[in-house]
Protein backbone atom coordinates (compact mmCIF):
# COMPACT_ATOMS: atom_id res chain seq x y z
CA MET A 1 44.61 41.72 -54.82
CA THR A 2 45.99 43.10 -58.07
CA GLY A 3 49.75 43.34 -58.28
CA ILE A 4 51.99 45.62 -60.32
CA LYS A 5 54.44 45.28 -63.17
CA ILE A 6 57.54 47.40 -63.61
CA LEU A 7 57.60 48.26 -67.32
CA ALA A 8 60.93 50.07 -67.36
CA THR A 9 63.49 51.65 -65.07
CA GLY A 10 65.97 54.48 -65.17
CA ALA A 11 68.72 55.89 -62.95
CA ALA A 12 70.89 58.95 -62.61
CA VAL A 13 73.90 59.84 -60.49
CA PRO A 14 76.07 62.96 -60.29
CA LYS A 15 79.27 62.92 -62.38
CA ALA A 16 81.63 63.61 -59.49
CA LEU A 17 83.19 60.43 -58.08
CA VAL A 18 84.57 60.28 -54.54
CA THR A 19 86.94 57.44 -53.69
CA ASN A 20 87.93 56.03 -50.35
CA GLU A 21 91.31 57.65 -50.81
CA ASP A 22 89.60 61.03 -51.28
CA LEU A 23 87.80 60.61 -47.99
CA ALA A 24 91.04 59.61 -46.27
CA GLN A 25 92.28 63.11 -47.05
CA ILE A 26 89.39 64.57 -45.05
CA VAL A 27 88.95 62.27 -42.04
CA ASP A 28 91.01 59.64 -40.23
CA THR A 29 90.19 56.62 -42.38
CA SER A 30 91.63 54.49 -45.18
CA ASP A 31 90.58 52.54 -48.22
CA GLU A 32 91.28 49.28 -46.35
CA TRP A 33 89.16 50.34 -43.33
CA ILE A 34 86.16 51.40 -45.44
CA SER A 35 86.34 48.46 -47.85
CA LYS A 36 86.65 45.84 -45.13
CA ARG A 37 83.78 47.17 -43.03
CA THR A 38 81.33 48.29 -45.71
CA GLY A 39 82.30 46.96 -49.13
CA MET A 40 82.29 50.51 -50.50
CA LYS A 41 84.89 51.84 -52.92
CA LEU A 42 83.19 54.73 -54.72
CA ARG A 43 80.23 57.04 -54.32
CA HIS A 44 78.85 59.97 -56.33
CA HIS A 45 78.54 63.44 -54.77
CA ALA A 46 76.36 66.20 -56.15
CA LYS A 47 78.26 69.45 -56.59
CA ASP A 48 77.11 73.07 -56.44
CA GLY A 49 74.12 73.65 -58.71
CA GLU A 50 73.02 70.00 -58.95
CA THR A 51 69.60 69.46 -57.46
CA ASN A 52 67.40 66.62 -56.33
CA LEU A 53 65.00 67.60 -59.12
CA ASP A 54 67.83 67.25 -61.67
CA LEU A 55 68.54 63.64 -60.71
CA ALA A 56 64.85 62.73 -60.30
CA SER A 57 63.98 64.13 -63.73
CA GLN A 58 66.91 62.45 -65.47
CA ALA A 59 66.02 59.03 -64.06
CA ALA A 60 62.32 59.54 -64.82
CA ARG A 61 62.90 60.56 -68.44
CA GLN A 62 65.03 57.48 -69.00
CA ALA A 63 62.35 55.20 -67.54
CA ILE A 64 59.54 56.80 -69.57
CA ASP A 65 61.59 56.62 -72.79
CA ARG A 66 62.41 52.97 -72.21
CA ALA A 67 58.78 52.13 -71.41
CA GLY A 68 57.68 53.68 -74.70
CA ILE A 69 54.46 55.00 -73.18
CA ASP A 70 52.41 58.13 -73.72
CA LYS A 71 53.37 60.27 -70.73
CA ASP A 72 49.83 61.73 -70.68
CA GLU A 73 48.71 58.33 -69.40
CA ILE A 74 50.72 58.74 -66.20
CA GLY A 75 48.28 59.37 -63.39
CA ALA A 76 50.48 59.43 -60.31
CA VAL A 77 54.00 60.51 -59.40
CA ILE A 78 55.62 59.50 -56.14
CA VAL A 79 59.08 60.71 -55.19
CA ALA A 80 60.65 58.85 -52.26
CA THR A 81 63.10 61.27 -50.66
CA VAL A 82 64.19 62.88 -47.42
CA THR A 83 66.39 65.44 -49.21
CA GLY A 84 64.03 67.38 -51.44
CA ASP A 85 65.18 70.76 -52.72
CA TYR A 86 62.39 72.40 -50.72
CA VAL A 87 60.48 71.60 -47.54
CA THR A 88 57.50 72.39 -49.76
CA PRO A 89 56.59 72.11 -52.63
CA ALA A 90 57.10 68.40 -53.03
CA THR A 91 59.72 67.22 -55.50
CA ALA A 92 57.01 65.15 -57.20
CA CYS A 93 55.12 68.34 -58.09
CA LEU A 94 58.27 69.81 -59.58
CA VAL A 95 58.85 66.63 -61.61
CA GLN A 96 55.30 66.89 -62.98
CA LYS A 97 56.11 70.38 -64.30
CA GLU A 98 59.63 69.55 -65.47
CA LEU A 99 58.50 66.54 -67.50
CA GLY A 100 55.36 68.20 -68.88
CA LEU A 101 53.05 65.58 -67.39
CA SER A 102 49.29 65.99 -67.27
CA ASN A 103 48.00 68.16 -64.44
CA ASP A 104 45.14 65.71 -63.96
CA ILE A 105 47.47 63.80 -61.67
CA ILE A 106 48.39 62.93 -58.10
CA ALA A 107 51.94 63.93 -57.13
CA PHE A 108 53.55 63.79 -53.69
CA ASP A 109 56.73 62.95 -51.82
CA LEU A 110 57.09 59.94 -49.56
CA SER A 111 59.43 59.86 -46.54
CA ALA A 112 60.42 56.38 -45.41
CA GLY A 113 64.20 56.69 -45.32
CA CYS A 114 66.02 53.88 -47.06
CA SER A 115 62.75 51.94 -47.37
CA GLY A 116 61.34 54.62 -49.69
CA PHE A 117 61.43 52.69 -52.97
CA VAL A 118 59.77 49.66 -51.47
CA PHE A 119 57.12 51.72 -49.69
CA GLY A 120 56.64 53.60 -52.95
CA LEU A 121 55.93 50.41 -54.90
CA GLU A 122 53.30 49.37 -52.39
CA THR A 123 51.74 52.83 -52.35
CA MET A 124 51.66 53.01 -56.15
CA ARG A 125 49.90 49.66 -56.30
CA GLY A 126 47.06 51.13 -54.25
CA LEU A 127 46.91 54.32 -56.31
CA LEU A 128 46.76 52.51 -59.64
CA ALA A 129 43.86 50.43 -58.38
CA THR A 130 41.79 53.61 -57.98
CA ARG A 131 43.02 55.89 -60.78
CA ASP A 132 41.70 56.14 -64.33
CA HIS A 133 45.21 56.58 -65.74
CA LYS A 134 47.10 53.53 -66.84
CA TYR A 135 50.58 54.19 -65.44
CA GLY A 136 52.36 55.43 -62.35
CA LEU A 137 55.84 56.93 -62.06
CA LEU A 138 57.87 56.06 -58.96
CA ILE A 139 61.11 57.92 -58.33
CA ALA A 140 63.56 57.67 -55.45
CA SER A 141 66.03 60.55 -55.39
CA GLU A 142 68.48 61.50 -52.65
CA LEU A 143 71.25 64.08 -52.11
CA LEU A 144 72.27 62.67 -48.76
CA THR A 145 75.82 64.02 -48.97
CA ARG A 146 74.34 67.46 -48.26
CA ARG A 147 73.12 66.07 -44.97
CA VAL A 148 76.43 64.49 -43.96
CA ASP A 149 78.95 65.99 -41.54
CA MET A 150 82.17 65.53 -43.50
CA THR A 151 84.15 65.51 -40.25
CA ASP A 152 82.23 62.46 -38.97
CA ARG A 153 84.01 59.42 -40.32
CA GLY A 154 81.20 57.16 -39.10
CA THR A 155 78.77 58.62 -41.65
CA CYS A 156 80.68 60.56 -44.30
CA VAL A 157 82.18 57.40 -45.82
CA LEU A 158 78.81 55.70 -46.23
CA PHE A 159 76.54 57.85 -48.32
CA GLY A 160 76.28 58.79 -51.97
CA ASP A 161 73.81 60.67 -54.13
CA GLY A 162 71.58 59.23 -56.83
CA ALA A 163 68.14 58.59 -58.22
CA ALA A 164 66.15 55.72 -59.66
CA ALA A 165 62.79 55.63 -61.42
CA ALA A 166 60.25 53.06 -62.52
CA VAL A 167 57.19 53.17 -64.77
CA ILE A 168 54.55 50.96 -63.22
CA GLU A 169 51.21 49.51 -64.26
CA SER A 170 48.67 47.25 -62.56
CA SER A 171 49.14 43.60 -63.37
CA ASN A 172 47.96 40.11 -62.52
CA ASP A 173 51.57 38.97 -62.36
CA GLY A 174 52.74 37.49 -59.06
CA TYR A 175 53.04 40.02 -56.24
CA ALA A 176 53.48 39.63 -52.49
CA SER A 177 54.51 42.25 -49.93
CA VAL A 178 55.32 42.56 -46.25
CA MET A 179 55.76 46.00 -44.66
CA GLY A 180 56.44 47.21 -41.16
CA VAL A 181 57.32 50.15 -38.91
CA ASP A 182 58.53 50.40 -35.34
CA GLY A 183 58.60 54.21 -34.99
CA ASN A 184 62.09 54.53 -33.49
CA PRO A 185 64.11 57.71 -34.18
CA ASP A 186 67.33 56.49 -32.60
CA MET A 187 68.64 54.29 -35.44
CA ILE A 188 68.96 57.02 -38.09
CA LYS A 189 67.74 60.62 -37.95
CA ILE A 190 68.10 64.14 -39.30
CA LYS A 191 66.78 66.50 -36.67
CA SER A 192 66.12 69.57 -38.86
CA PRO A 193 65.99 70.57 -42.55
CA ASP A 194 69.57 71.84 -42.33
CA GLY A 195 70.78 69.17 -39.89
CA TYR A 196 73.19 66.30 -40.38
CA ILE A 197 72.59 62.56 -40.43
CA GLU A 198 72.96 60.94 -37.03
CA MET A 199 73.28 57.18 -37.13
CA ASP A 200 73.68 54.28 -34.74
CA GLY A 201 75.83 52.11 -36.98
CA GLN A 202 76.04 49.06 -34.70
CA GLY A 203 72.32 49.25 -33.90
CA THR A 204 71.46 49.43 -37.58
CA TYR A 205 73.66 46.43 -38.36
CA LYS A 206 72.14 44.34 -35.57
CA PHE A 207 68.61 45.33 -36.57
CA ALA A 208 69.20 44.39 -40.22
CA VAL A 209 70.80 41.01 -39.67
CA ALA A 210 68.14 40.03 -37.13
CA THR A 211 65.04 41.39 -38.88
CA VAL A 212 65.62 41.15 -42.62
CA PRO A 213 65.94 37.34 -42.90
CA GLU A 214 62.58 36.96 -41.17
CA LEU A 215 61.10 39.66 -43.40
CA ILE A 216 62.34 37.90 -46.53
CA GLU A 217 61.01 34.57 -45.27
CA ASP A 218 57.56 36.09 -44.66
CA ALA A 219 57.41 37.68 -48.12
CA VAL A 220 58.56 34.50 -49.87
CA LYS A 221 56.05 32.41 -47.93
CA LYS A 222 53.29 34.88 -48.81
CA SER A 223 54.20 34.63 -52.48
CA GLY A 224 53.73 30.86 -52.40
CA LYS A 225 57.29 30.30 -53.59
CA THR A 226 60.47 28.99 -51.99
CA PHE A 227 63.82 30.74 -51.55
CA ASP A 228 65.23 28.66 -54.41
CA GLU A 229 62.47 29.87 -56.76
CA ILE A 230 63.52 33.48 -56.33
CA HIS A 231 65.93 34.29 -59.15
CA HIS A 232 67.29 37.55 -57.75
CA TYR A 233 67.48 39.27 -54.37
CA ILE A 234 67.92 43.04 -54.28
CA LEU A 235 68.58 44.32 -50.76
CA HIS A 236 69.16 47.87 -49.62
CA GLN A 237 72.81 48.66 -50.31
CA ALA A 238 73.80 49.68 -46.81
CA ASN A 239 76.67 47.36 -46.04
CA LEU A 240 78.13 44.36 -47.89
CA ARG A 241 78.57 42.41 -44.64
CA ILE A 242 74.84 42.78 -43.94
CA ILE A 243 73.95 41.37 -47.36
CA GLU A 244 76.40 38.47 -46.95
CA SER A 245 75.02 37.66 -43.49
CA ILE A 246 71.44 37.65 -44.79
CA ALA A 247 72.36 35.45 -47.74
CA LYS A 248 73.93 32.95 -45.37
CA LYS A 249 70.96 32.97 -42.99
CA ILE A 250 68.44 32.19 -45.77
CA GLY A 251 70.76 29.66 -47.42
CA GLN A 252 71.08 31.39 -50.80
CA PRO A 253 74.27 31.94 -52.82
CA MET A 254 75.65 35.45 -53.16
CA GLU A 255 75.42 35.03 -56.93
CA LYS A 256 71.66 35.60 -56.64
CA PHE A 257 72.12 38.93 -54.81
CA ILE A 258 72.42 42.10 -56.84
CA VAL A 259 75.25 44.10 -55.27
CA ASN A 260 76.62 47.45 -56.43
CA ILE A 261 77.46 49.08 -53.11
CA ASP A 262 81.12 49.26 -54.21
CA LYS A 263 80.20 51.77 -56.93
CA TYR A 264 77.52 53.92 -55.30
CA GLY A 265 77.70 53.59 -51.53
CA ASN A 266 74.42 53.97 -49.63
CA THR A 267 72.00 56.10 -51.69
CA SER A 268 69.17 55.58 -49.22
CA ALA A 269 65.75 55.38 -50.92
CA ALA A 270 67.39 55.16 -54.33
CA SER A 271 69.65 52.20 -53.58
CA VAL A 272 67.41 49.26 -54.48
CA GLY A 273 66.09 51.15 -57.50
CA ILE A 274 69.59 51.85 -58.81
CA ALA A 275 70.55 48.22 -58.28
CA LEU A 276 67.36 47.03 -60.02
CA ASN A 277 68.01 49.32 -62.99
CA GLU A 278 71.63 48.17 -63.32
CA ALA A 279 70.66 44.50 -63.24
CA ILE A 280 68.01 45.04 -65.94
CA GLU A 281 70.44 47.05 -68.08
CA ASP A 282 73.15 44.39 -68.02
CA GLY A 283 70.74 41.54 -68.64
CA ARG A 284 70.96 39.77 -65.28
CA ILE A 285 67.23 40.30 -64.66
CA LYS A 286 65.08 38.99 -67.47
CA GLU A 287 61.38 39.63 -68.09
CA LYS A 288 60.03 36.40 -66.58
CA ASP A 289 62.37 36.28 -63.59
CA THR A 290 61.07 36.45 -60.03
CA THR A 291 62.80 39.16 -58.01
CA LEU A 292 62.64 39.98 -54.31
CA ILE A 293 63.26 43.61 -53.32
CA CYS A 294 63.89 44.40 -49.68
CA ALA A 295 64.87 47.52 -47.76
CA PHE A 296 65.04 48.87 -44.21
CA GLY A 297 65.73 52.32 -42.90
CA ALA A 298 65.03 55.36 -40.74
CA GLY A 299 62.00 55.27 -38.47
CA LYS A 300 62.70 51.58 -38.25
CA THR A 301 60.84 51.01 -41.47
CA TRP A 302 61.14 47.78 -43.43
CA GLY A 303 59.55 46.13 -46.44
CA ALA A 304 59.96 43.26 -48.85
CA ILE A 305 58.20 42.68 -52.19
CA VAL A 306 58.24 39.62 -54.43
CA LEU A 307 57.64 40.49 -58.07
CA GLY A 308 56.85 37.81 -60.65
């Protein structure tokens, strides 16, 4: 089946930085406690007036500009988010208007928790195979800090806000994917539109370190490559110890893993996209490199994609 190619990426985060020391002024925690258990140092928090649409549009404009395409050739917009500005309309519809895209277009939001960017890539692949337009625009944008109880030290230290975008086209380049769901609400949930994140931290950790290595192995095997032939691994930025454990289990050096959790915290659906954008910007990921992207999240969703 036809694969996809990411032509260009973009990212956007709020200006306001929140340090571990800042959080220690709010809840009973410390820089040492947070750093040792999560690898996080900083995260960005949206302030009053900043919207999901703002971040999504900024990241999308950057990706479109870098791709150098005619935006009228974009035939689909997917926004992966669980924190849209409205229950309805979808953020993707607002992006279409904000960016002045064609109205001969498909635009919708996708809810898969932290797996949103990966699920979005797979979904966009299917859409591009059936659309007359040449390009698709995938965005992952989250304002999770507005769904965090700032008196709950188990969650308030973890999450940040941000967005990532990618301009995508169909391609015969290498592509292999493995997706899965185990419909479980207990790991991570938000019970209502104005509710807070509830999270089983230990359960999430155990799930990730047990499931993700097998997921990566399945995706690499499906691609016809070996672990050593993958140049870069981009995992959901949930916890540095999870990433280190997975690297050890698959026998790959940490140098091959793109890690920026120290600067952004957990930005949910946007995390792998922000990491991908950063690694392209600084030259770590080059055009012919093979990259594995993997995420897991709420609903017990998981997915891994090998590109290139």
